[in-house]
Amino acid sequence: KEIETKGYVEELGQSIEGHLHHAKIPSSMKKDLNNDFYQLKNIVKRLIKFGHKRIITCQTHGDFQPANILIEKGRSWLIDWEYSSRRQIAYDGLVYSLASRFPMGLGNRIGQALDESSNDCDFLIDTWPQIEWQDKIQKRVMIALFLLEELDLKLRENINSLLSNFDHGFKVFMNEINISL
């Protein structure tokens, strides 16, 4: 489905703000999260002034990584669909290519993708349907949206009332967002 990028950013923003409001987050961490959130949101808003006012969204797997792809005798299956949701069309390709489920080093991998250094991201995303990975503005919009989508997902994972602390992976992810910014 093709939608306005600005509207999608606002939708993500409302979801993230809702998670921040309901989460048991230490005030210092909440301040950092808000800062990162607003920086990412502003990056997208600045970039869409140069074009790409619309994006394509689709139903995504949400955890598209090697551990969730089973292959046997020429057949394949995707398992673990609990993170499935409507997101930008590049989301699953970016999860896989940037190895975002392994957050350590994500900031550097994003930097390589943005700097157009040869990396695994180019291999998969260049052939991903309906995106123009070589378009520098679109690439930046997709990565900034991806980070907002990841922030939304990771907050949703960590706001369970039964959890007393955010998991270590979330803290690593937040550090990697700062490297990316």
N, C-alpha and C. Protein backbone atom coordinates (compact mmCIF):
# COMPACT_ATOMS: atom_id res chain seq x y z
N LYS A 1 0.85 -1.17 0.00
CA LYS A 1 0.00 0.00 0.00
C LYS A 1 0.90 1.23 0.00
N GLU A 2 0.65 2.15 -0.88
CA GLU A 2 1.43 3.38 -0.93
C GLU A 2 0.77 4.42 -0.02
N ILE A 3 1.59 5.01 0.86
CA ILE A 3 1.08 6.00 1.81
C ILE A 3 2.04 7.18 1.88
N GLU A 4 1.59 8.27 2.51
CA GLU A 4 2.44 9.44 2.70
C GLU A 4 3.48 9.15 3.79
N THR A 5 4.73 9.46 3.49
CA THR A 5 5.83 9.21 4.43
C THR A 5 5.60 9.99 5.73
N LYS A 6 5.20 11.25 5.60
CA LYS A 6 5.01 12.09 6.78
C LYS A 6 3.95 11.48 7.71
N GLY A 7 2.85 11.00 7.14
CA GLY A 7 1.80 10.38 7.93
C GLY A 7 2.29 9.11 8.62
N TYR A 8 3.13 8.35 7.91
CA TYR A 8 3.67 7.12 8.50
C TYR A 8 4.59 7.43 9.67
N VAL A 9 5.39 8.48 9.53
CA VAL A 9 6.28 8.90 10.62
C VAL A 9 5.44 9.33 11.82
N GLU A 10 4.36 10.06 11.57
CA GLU A 10 3.49 10.48 12.67
C GLU A 10 2.85 9.27 13.36
N GLU A 11 2.44 8.28 12.57
CA GLU A 11 1.85 7.06 13.13
C GLU A 11 2.87 6.31 14.01
N LEU A 12 4.09 6.18 13.49
CA LEU A 12 5.15 5.55 14.29
C LEU A 12 5.42 6.36 15.55
N GLY A 13 5.43 7.67 15.40
CA GLY A 13 5.68 8.55 16.54
C GLY A 13 4.63 8.38 17.63
N GLN A 14 3.37 8.28 17.25
CA GLN A 14 2.31 8.08 18.24
C GLN A 14 2.49 6.75 18.98
N SER A 15 2.87 5.72 18.22
CA SER A 15 3.09 4.41 18.84
C SER A 15 4.27 4.46 19.82
N ILE A 16 5.36 5.08 19.39
CA ILE A 16 6.56 5.18 20.24
C ILE A 16 6.25 6.02 21.48
N GLU A 17 5.58 7.14 21.29
CA GLU A 17 5.23 7.98 22.44
C GLU A 17 4.33 7.23 23.41
N GLY A 18 3.40 6.43 22.91
CA GLY A 18 2.54 5.63 23.77
C GLY A 18 3.35 4.62 24.57
N HIS A 19 4.31 3.97 23.91
CA HIS A 19 5.18 3.02 24.62
C HIS A 19 6.01 3.74 25.69
N LEU A 20 6.54 4.90 25.34
CA LEU A 20 7.35 5.66 26.30
C LEU A 20 6.52 6.09 27.50
N HIS A 21 5.27 6.43 27.25
CA HIS A 21 4.38 6.87 28.33
C HIS A 21 4.06 5.72 29.29
N HIS A 22 3.88 4.52 28.76
CA HIS A 22 3.47 3.38 29.58
C HIS A 22 4.63 2.56 30.14
N ALA A 23 5.81 2.77 29.62
CA ALA A 23 6.95 1.95 30.05
C ALA A 23 7.51 2.43 31.38
N LYS A 24 8.04 1.48 32.12
CA LYS A 24 8.74 1.81 33.37
C LYS A 24 10.20 2.08 33.02
N ILE A 25 10.44 3.29 32.57
CA ILE A 25 11.77 3.66 32.09
C ILE A 25 12.37 4.68 33.05
N PRO A 26 13.62 4.48 33.45
CA PRO A 26 14.28 5.50 34.27
C PRO A 26 14.27 6.85 33.53
N SER A 27 14.11 7.93 34.24
CA SER A 27 13.97 9.24 33.61
C SER A 27 15.15 9.60 32.72
N SER A 28 16.37 9.21 33.10
CA SER A 28 17.53 9.53 32.26
C SER A 28 17.45 8.77 30.93
N MET A 29 17.00 7.52 30.97
CA MET A 29 16.87 6.75 29.74
C MET A 29 15.72 7.29 28.89
N LYS A 30 14.64 7.72 29.53
CA LYS A 30 13.49 8.26 28.80
C LYS A 30 13.90 9.52 28.04
N LYS A 31 14.73 10.35 28.68
CA LYS A 31 15.21 11.58 28.05
C LYS A 31 16.04 11.23 26.81
N ASP A 32 16.93 10.25 26.92
CA ASP A 32 17.75 9.82 25.78
C ASP A 32 16.89 9.24 24.67
N LEU A 33 15.89 8.43 25.04
CA LEU A 33 14.99 7.84 24.06
C LEU A 33 14.22 8.92 23.31
N ASN A 34 13.69 9.89 24.05
CA ASN A 34 12.97 10.99 23.42
C ASN A 34 13.87 11.76 22.47
N ASN A 35 15.09 12.02 22.88
CA ASN A 35 16.04 12.75 22.04
C ASN A 35 16.31 11.99 20.74
N ASP A 36 16.61 10.69 20.85
CA ASP A 36 16.87 9.88 19.65
C ASP A 36 15.65 9.82 18.75
N PHE A 37 14.48 9.65 19.36
CA PHE A 37 13.23 9.59 18.61
C PHE A 37 13.02 10.87 17.81
N TYR A 38 13.17 12.01 18.44
CA TYR A 38 12.95 13.28 17.74
C TYR A 38 14.01 13.53 16.68
N GLN A 39 15.24 13.12 16.92
CA GLN A 39 16.28 13.26 15.89
C GLN A 39 15.93 12.44 14.65
N LEU A 40 15.54 11.19 14.85
CA LEU A 40 15.17 10.33 13.71
C LEU A 40 13.97 10.90 12.96
N LYS A 41 12.98 11.33 13.71
CA LYS A 41 11.78 11.90 13.11
C LYS A 41 12.13 13.14 12.28
N ASN A 42 12.99 13.99 12.81
CA ASN A 42 13.39 15.20 12.08
C ASN A 42 14.23 14.89 10.85
N ILE A 43 15.04 13.84 10.93
CA ILE A 43 15.83 13.43 9.76
C ILE A 43 14.89 13.08 8.61
N VAL A 44 13.89 12.28 8.90
CA VAL A 44 12.94 11.88 7.85
C VAL A 44 12.21 13.11 7.31
N LYS A 45 11.75 13.97 8.20
CA LYS A 45 11.03 15.16 7.75
C LYS A 45 11.88 16.05 6.85
N ARG A 46 13.17 16.19 7.18
CA ARG A 46 14.07 16.99 6.33
C ARG A 46 14.28 16.31 4.98
N LEU A 47 14.46 14.99 4.99
CA LEU A 47 14.73 14.27 3.75
C LEU A 47 13.54 14.26 2.79
N ILE A 48 12.33 14.19 3.32
CA ILE A 48 11.18 14.12 2.41
C ILE A 48 10.93 15.44 1.69
N LYS A 49 11.58 16.50 2.13
CA LYS A 49 11.49 17.76 1.40
C LYS A 49 12.15 17.63 0.02
N PHE A 50 13.09 16.68 -0.11
CA PHE A 50 13.81 16.47 -1.37
C PHE A 50 13.12 15.43 -2.26
N GLY A 51 11.99 14.95 -1.85
CA GLY A 51 11.27 13.93 -2.61
C GLY A 51 10.89 12.79 -1.71
N HIS A 52 10.41 11.73 -2.30
CA HIS A 52 10.02 10.52 -1.56
C HIS A 52 8.99 10.85 -0.48
N LYS A 53 7.99 11.61 -0.91
CA LYS A 53 6.93 11.98 0.01
C LYS A 53 5.98 10.82 0.27
N ARG A 54 6.13 9.75 -0.51
CA ARG A 54 5.30 8.57 -0.34
C ARG A 54 6.20 7.34 -0.24
N ILE A 55 5.75 6.37 0.56
CA ILE A 55 6.47 5.11 0.67
C ILE A 55 5.48 3.97 0.47
N ILE A 56 6.03 2.81 0.22
CA ILE A 56 5.20 1.62 0.08
C ILE A 56 5.34 0.82 1.37
N THR A 57 4.20 0.44 1.93
CA THR A 57 4.19 -0.42 3.11
C THR A 57 3.60 -1.77 2.72
N CYS A 58 3.93 -2.76 3.51
CA CYS A 58 3.40 -4.10 3.27
C CYS A 58 3.43 -4.87 4.59
N GLN A 59 2.82 -6.04 4.58
CA GLN A 59 2.88 -6.90 5.76
C GLN A 59 4.30 -7.48 5.82
N THR A 60 5.00 -7.24 6.91
CA THR A 60 6.37 -7.73 7.05
C THR A 60 6.42 -8.85 8.08
N HIS A 61 7.43 -9.67 7.95
CA HIS A 61 7.65 -10.76 8.91
C HIS A 61 8.02 -10.17 10.27
N GLY A 62 8.94 -9.23 10.27
CA GLY A 62 9.33 -8.54 11.49
C GLY A 62 10.57 -9.09 12.18
N ASP A 63 10.94 -10.31 11.85
CA ASP A 63 12.13 -10.93 12.45
C ASP A 63 12.82 -11.79 11.39
N PHE A 64 12.97 -11.21 10.21
CA PHE A 64 13.51 -11.92 9.06
C PHE A 64 15.02 -12.04 9.21
N GLN A 65 15.43 -13.18 9.70
CA GLN A 65 16.84 -13.47 9.96
C GLN A 65 17.06 -14.96 9.71
N PRO A 66 18.32 -15.37 9.53
CA PRO A 66 18.60 -16.77 9.21
C PRO A 66 17.98 -17.79 10.16
N ALA A 67 17.89 -17.47 11.46
CA ALA A 67 17.34 -18.43 12.42
C ALA A 67 15.85 -18.72 12.18
N ASN A 68 15.17 -17.84 11.45
CA ASN A 68 13.74 -18.02 11.20
C ASN A 68 13.43 -18.47 9.77
N ILE A 69 14.47 -18.91 9.06
CA ILE A 69 14.29 -19.42 7.71
C ILE A 69 14.72 -20.89 7.72
N LEU A 70 13.78 -21.76 7.45
CA LEU A 70 14.08 -23.19 7.41
C LEU A 70 14.06 -23.66 5.96
N ILE A 71 15.08 -24.43 5.60
CA ILE A 71 15.17 -24.95 4.23
C ILE A 71 15.43 -26.45 4.31
N GLU A 72 14.63 -27.20 3.56
CA GLU A 72 14.81 -28.65 3.52
C GLU A 72 14.30 -29.17 2.18
N LYS A 73 15.17 -29.92 1.50
CA LYS A 73 14.80 -30.57 0.24
C LYS A 73 14.12 -29.62 -0.75
N GLY A 74 14.71 -28.46 -0.93
CA GLY A 74 14.20 -27.51 -1.91
C GLY A 74 12.96 -26.74 -1.47
N ARG A 75 12.52 -26.94 -0.26
CA ARG A 75 11.37 -26.20 0.27
C ARG A 75 11.86 -25.27 1.36
N SER A 76 11.14 -24.18 1.55
CA SER A 76 11.54 -23.25 2.60
C SER A 76 10.32 -22.77 3.37
N TRP A 77 10.57 -22.41 4.62
CA TRP A 77 9.53 -21.92 5.51
C TRP A 77 10.08 -20.74 6.30
N LEU A 78 9.21 -19.78 6.56
CA LEU A 78 9.53 -18.71 7.51
C LEU A 78 8.75 -19.01 8.78
N ILE A 79 9.45 -19.01 9.90
CA ILE A 79 8.81 -19.29 11.18
C ILE A 79 8.88 -18.07 12.09
N ASP A 80 8.18 -18.14 13.20
CA ASP A 80 8.19 -17.09 14.24
C ASP A 80 7.66 -15.76 13.71
N TRP A 81 6.40 -15.70 13.52
CA TRP A 81 5.73 -14.53 12.96
C TRP A 81 5.18 -13.56 14.02
N GLU A 82 5.60 -13.67 15.27
CA GLU A 82 4.99 -12.85 16.31
C GLU A 82 5.26 -11.35 16.15
N TYR A 83 6.24 -10.96 15.36
CA TYR A 83 6.53 -9.53 15.14
C TYR A 83 5.96 -9.01 13.83
N SER A 84 5.16 -9.82 13.19
CA SER A 84 4.57 -9.43 11.91
C SER A 84 3.72 -8.17 12.07
N SER A 85 3.87 -7.26 11.12
CA SER A 85 3.13 -6.00 11.15
C SER A 85 3.30 -5.30 9.80
N ARG A 86 2.48 -4.28 9.57
CA ARG A 86 2.62 -3.47 8.36
C ARG A 86 3.73 -2.45 8.61
N ARG A 87 4.73 -2.46 7.73
CA ARG A 87 5.87 -1.54 7.82
C ARG A 87 6.30 -1.17 6.40
N GLN A 88 7.32 -0.33 6.31
CA GLN A 88 7.86 0.01 4.99
C GLN A 88 8.33 -1.27 4.30
N ILE A 89 8.31 -1.27 3.00
CA ILE A 89 8.58 -2.47 2.23
C ILE A 89 10.02 -2.97 2.40
N ALA A 90 10.94 -2.10 2.75
CA ALA A 90 12.34 -2.50 2.90
C ALA A 90 12.65 -3.10 4.26
N TYR A 91 11.70 -3.10 5.18
CA TYR A 91 11.98 -3.48 6.56
C TYR A 91 12.63 -4.85 6.70
N ASP A 92 12.01 -5.89 6.19
CA ASP A 92 12.57 -7.23 6.36
C ASP A 92 13.94 -7.36 5.71
N GLY A 93 14.12 -6.75 4.56
CA GLY A 93 15.43 -6.77 3.90
C GLY A 93 16.49 -6.09 4.74
N LEU A 94 16.12 -5.01 5.42
CA LEU A 94 17.07 -4.30 6.27
C LEU A 94 17.35 -5.09 7.55
N VAL A 95 16.33 -5.74 8.12
CA VAL A 95 16.57 -6.58 9.30
C VAL A 95 17.62 -7.64 8.95
N TYR A 96 17.44 -8.27 7.81
CA TYR A 96 18.35 -9.36 7.39
C TYR A 96 19.73 -8.81 7.03
N SER A 97 19.75 -7.82 6.16
CA SER A 97 21.02 -7.31 5.63
C SER A 97 21.87 -6.61 6.68
N LEU A 98 21.23 -5.89 7.58
CA LEU A 98 21.97 -5.17 8.62
C LEU A 98 22.18 -6.02 9.87
N ALA A 99 21.66 -7.25 9.84
CA ALA A 99 21.76 -8.16 10.99
C ALA A 99 21.33 -7.43 12.27
N SER A 100 20.18 -6.79 12.20
CA SER A 100 19.74 -5.95 13.31
C SER A 100 19.34 -6.73 14.55
N ARG A 101 19.11 -8.03 14.43
CA ARG A 101 18.80 -8.82 15.62
C ARG A 101 20.06 -9.10 16.45
N PHE A 102 21.19 -8.70 15.92
CA PHE A 102 22.47 -8.75 16.62
C PHE A 102 22.94 -7.30 16.70
N PRO A 103 22.45 -6.54 17.70
CA PRO A 103 22.64 -5.09 17.68
C PRO A 103 24.08 -4.61 17.81
N MET A 104 24.95 -5.39 18.41
CA MET A 104 26.34 -4.93 18.55
C MET A 104 26.93 -4.69 17.16
N GLY A 105 27.35 -3.47 16.90
CA GLY A 105 27.94 -3.11 15.61
C GLY A 105 26.93 -2.61 14.59
N LEU A 106 25.64 -2.55 14.95
CA LEU A 106 24.61 -2.10 14.01
C LEU A 106 24.89 -0.69 13.50
N GLY A 107 25.34 0.19 14.38
CA GLY A 107 25.65 1.56 13.96
C GLY A 107 26.69 1.60 12.87
N ASN A 108 27.72 0.76 12.99
CA ASN A 108 28.75 0.71 11.95
C ASN A 108 28.21 0.12 10.65
N ARG A 109 27.36 -0.89 10.75
CA ARG A 109 26.77 -1.50 9.55
C ARG A 109 25.87 -0.49 8.83
N ILE A 110 25.14 0.30 9.61
CA ILE A 110 24.31 1.34 9.01
C ILE A 110 25.20 2.39 8.35
N GLY A 111 26.27 2.77 9.03
CA GLY A 111 27.22 3.73 8.45
C GLY A 111 27.78 3.23 7.12
N GLN A 112 28.12 1.95 7.04
CA GLN A 112 28.62 1.38 5.78
C GLN A 112 27.55 1.44 4.70
N ALA A 113 26.32 1.13 5.06
CA ALA A 113 25.24 1.18 4.07
C ALA A 113 25.03 2.61 3.57
N LEU A 114 25.10 3.58 4.48
CA LEU A 114 24.91 4.97 4.09
C LEU A 114 26.09 5.51 3.28
N ASP A 115 27.31 5.08 3.64
CA ASP A 115 28.51 5.53 2.94
C ASP A 115 28.73 4.80 1.63
N GLU A 116 27.83 3.86 1.34
CA GLU A 116 27.91 3.07 0.12
C GLU A 116 29.18 2.24 0.06
N SER A 117 29.70 1.88 1.24
CA SER A 117 30.81 0.95 1.29
C SER A 117 30.26 -0.41 0.86
N SER A 118 31.10 -1.22 0.31
CA SER A 118 30.65 -2.54 -0.07
C SER A 118 30.25 -3.30 1.19
N ASN A 119 29.01 -3.74 1.23
CA ASN A 119 28.55 -4.50 2.39
C ASN A 119 27.44 -5.46 1.99
N ASP A 120 27.04 -6.29 2.92
CA ASP A 120 26.01 -7.28 2.66
C ASP A 120 24.66 -6.64 2.37
N CYS A 121 24.45 -5.44 2.85
CA CYS A 121 23.17 -4.77 2.65
C CYS A 121 22.91 -4.55 1.16
N ASP A 122 23.92 -4.11 0.43
CA ASP A 122 23.75 -3.85 -0.99
C ASP A 122 23.33 -5.11 -1.75
N PHE A 123 23.88 -6.25 -1.37
CA PHE A 123 23.60 -7.50 -2.07
C PHE A 123 22.11 -7.81 -2.08
N LEU A 124 21.46 -7.72 -0.94
CA LEU A 124 20.05 -8.08 -0.83
C LEU A 124 19.14 -6.93 -1.22
N ILE A 125 19.40 -5.76 -0.70
CA ILE A 125 18.49 -4.63 -0.90
C ILE A 125 18.47 -4.15 -2.34
N ASP A 126 19.56 -4.28 -3.07
CA ASP A 126 19.57 -3.89 -4.49
C ASP A 126 18.51 -4.63 -5.29
N THR A 127 18.16 -5.83 -4.86
CA THR A 127 17.18 -6.63 -5.61
C THR A 127 15.82 -6.67 -4.92
N TRP A 128 15.67 -5.96 -3.80
CA TRP A 128 14.40 -5.97 -3.08
C TRP A 128 13.35 -5.25 -3.92
N PRO A 129 12.12 -5.78 -3.99
CA PRO A 129 11.11 -5.19 -4.88
C PRO A 129 10.70 -3.78 -4.48
N GLN A 130 10.48 -2.96 -5.46
CA GLN A 130 9.90 -1.63 -5.36
C GLN A 130 10.67 -0.63 -4.52
N ILE A 131 11.99 -0.80 -4.42
CA ILE A 131 12.80 0.24 -3.79
C ILE A 131 13.98 0.55 -4.71
N GLU A 132 14.47 1.75 -4.57
CA GLU A 132 15.62 2.20 -5.37
C GLU A 132 16.77 2.45 -4.40
N TRP A 133 17.49 1.40 -4.07
CA TRP A 133 18.55 1.46 -3.08
C TRP A 133 19.67 2.41 -3.50
N GLN A 134 19.87 2.61 -4.77
CA GLN A 134 20.94 3.49 -5.24
C GLN A 134 20.58 4.97 -5.12
N ASP A 135 19.32 5.27 -4.88
CA ASP A 135 18.87 6.64 -4.66
C ASP A 135 19.25 7.03 -3.23
N LYS A 136 20.22 7.95 -3.10
CA LYS A 136 20.78 8.28 -1.78
C LYS A 136 19.74 8.82 -0.81
N ILE A 137 18.82 9.64 -1.30
CA ILE A 137 17.79 10.19 -0.41
C ILE A 137 16.86 9.08 0.05
N GLN A 138 16.39 8.24 -0.89
CA GLN A 138 15.49 7.16 -0.51
C GLN A 138 16.17 6.21 0.48
N LYS A 139 17.44 5.94 0.26
CA LYS A 139 18.18 5.05 1.17
C LYS A 139 18.19 5.63 2.59
N ARG A 140 18.44 6.92 2.70
CA ARG A 140 18.47 7.56 4.02
C ARG A 140 17.08 7.56 4.69
N VAL A 141 16.05 7.81 3.87
CA VAL A 141 14.69 7.77 4.40
C VAL A 141 14.37 6.37 4.91
N MET A 142 14.70 5.35 4.11
CA MET A 142 14.41 3.97 4.50
C MET A 142 15.14 3.58 5.78
N ILE A 143 16.39 3.99 5.91
CA ILE A 143 17.15 3.62 7.11
C ILE A 143 16.64 4.37 8.34
N ALA A 144 16.32 5.65 8.19
CA ALA A 144 15.76 6.39 9.33
C ALA A 144 14.41 5.81 9.74
N LEU A 145 13.56 5.49 8.76
CA LEU A 145 12.28 4.84 9.08
C LEU A 145 12.51 3.49 9.75
N PHE A 146 13.48 2.76 9.24
CA PHE A 146 13.81 1.45 9.81
C PHE A 146 14.19 1.59 11.29
N LEU A 147 14.99 2.59 11.61
CA LEU A 147 15.39 2.78 13.01
C LEU A 147 14.18 3.15 13.88
N LEU A 148 13.26 3.95 13.33
CA LEU A 148 12.04 4.26 14.07
C LEU A 148 11.20 2.99 14.26
N GLU A 149 11.10 2.18 13.21
CA GLU A 149 10.34 0.94 13.30
C GLU A 149 10.97 -0.02 14.31
N GLU A 150 12.29 -0.09 14.31
CA GLU A 150 12.99 -0.95 15.26
C GLU A 150 12.81 -0.43 16.69
N LEU A 151 12.88 0.88 16.87
CA LEU A 151 12.66 1.46 18.19
C LEU A 151 11.26 1.12 18.69
N ASP A 152 10.27 1.24 17.81
CA ASP A 152 8.90 0.90 18.17
C ASP A 152 8.80 -0.57 18.58
N LEU A 153 9.39 -1.46 17.81
CA LEU A 153 9.35 -2.89 18.12
C LEU A 153 10.05 -3.20 19.43
N LYS A 154 11.22 -2.65 19.63
CA LYS A 154 12.00 -2.95 20.84
C LYS A 154 11.34 -2.37 22.09
N LEU A 155 10.71 -1.21 21.96
CA LEU A 155 9.96 -0.68 23.10
C LEU A 155 8.78 -1.59 23.43
N ARG A 156 8.08 -2.04 22.38
CA ARG A 156 6.93 -2.93 22.59
C ARG A 156 7.37 -4.21 23.31
N GLU A 157 8.55 -4.71 22.97
CA GLU A 157 9.08 -5.92 23.62
C GLU A 157 9.36 -5.69 25.11
N ASN A 158 9.72 -4.48 25.46
CA ASN A 158 10.24 -4.20 26.80
C ASN A 158 9.25 -3.53 27.74
N ILE A 159 8.02 -3.28 27.32
CA ILE A 159 7.09 -2.58 28.21
C ILE A 159 6.16 -3.53 28.95
N ASN A 160 6.39 -4.80 28.85
CA ASN A 160 5.60 -5.78 29.57
C ASN A 160 5.68 -5.47 31.07
N SER A 161 4.54 -5.40 31.73
CA SER A 161 4.50 -5.05 33.15
C SER A 161 5.20 -6.09 34.03
N LEU A 162 5.41 -7.29 33.51
CA LEU A 162 6.10 -8.31 34.28
C LEU A 162 7.62 -8.13 34.29
N LEU A 163 8.12 -7.29 33.38
CA LEU A 163 9.56 -7.04 33.31
C LEU A 163 9.93 -5.89 34.25
N SER A 164 11.00 -6.08 34.98
CA SER A 164 11.42 -5.02 35.91
C SER A 164 12.48 -4.10 35.30
N ASN A 165 13.20 -4.58 34.28
CA ASN A 165 14.23 -3.79 33.62
C ASN A 165 14.19 -4.02 32.12
N PHE A 166 14.70 -3.06 31.39
CA PHE A 166 14.88 -3.25 29.95
C PHE A 166 16.00 -4.26 29.76
N ASP A 167 15.88 -5.09 28.73
CA ASP A 167 16.93 -6.10 28.52
C ASP A 167 18.21 -5.44 28.01
N HIS A 168 19.32 -6.15 28.17
CA HIS A 168 20.63 -5.64 27.78
C HIS A 168 20.66 -5.31 26.28
N GLY A 169 19.99 -6.12 25.46
CA GLY A 169 19.96 -5.88 24.02
C GLY A 169 19.36 -4.54 23.66
N PHE A 170 18.37 -4.08 24.45
CA PHE A 170 17.76 -2.78 24.20
C PHE A 170 18.77 -1.67 24.44
N LYS A 171 19.53 -1.80 25.51
CA LYS A 171 20.55 -0.78 25.82
C LYS A 171 21.63 -0.74 24.75
N VAL A 172 22.02 -1.90 24.25
CA VAL A 172 23.00 -1.96 23.15
C VAL A 172 22.40 -1.30 21.91
N PHE A 173 21.13 -1.63 21.61
CA PHE A 173 20.46 -1.04 20.46
C PHE A 173 20.44 0.48 20.55
N MET A 174 20.12 1.03 21.72
CA MET A 174 20.08 2.48 21.88
C MET A 174 21.46 3.10 21.66
N ASN A 175 22.50 2.44 22.12
CA ASN A 175 23.85 2.93 21.87
C ASN A 175 24.15 2.92 20.37
N GLU A 176 23.70 1.89 19.68
CA GLU A 176 23.95 1.78 18.24
C GLU A 176 23.17 2.83 17.46
N ILE A 177 21.97 3.17 17.94
CA ILE A 177 21.21 4.27 17.29
C ILE A 177 22.01 5.55 17.39
N ASN A 178 22.59 5.82 18.55
CA ASN A 178 23.40 7.02 18.73
C ASN A 178 24.58 7.05 17.77
N ILE A 179 25.22 5.91 17.55
CA ILE A 179 26.31 5.82 16.58
C ILE A 179 25.78 6.15 15.19
N SER A 180 24.60 5.62 14.86
CA SER A 180 23.99 5.87 13.54
C SER A 180 23.65 7.33 13.34
N LEU A 181 23.14 7.97 14.39
CA LEU A 181 22.75 9.37 14.27
C LEU A 181 23.97 10.24 14.03
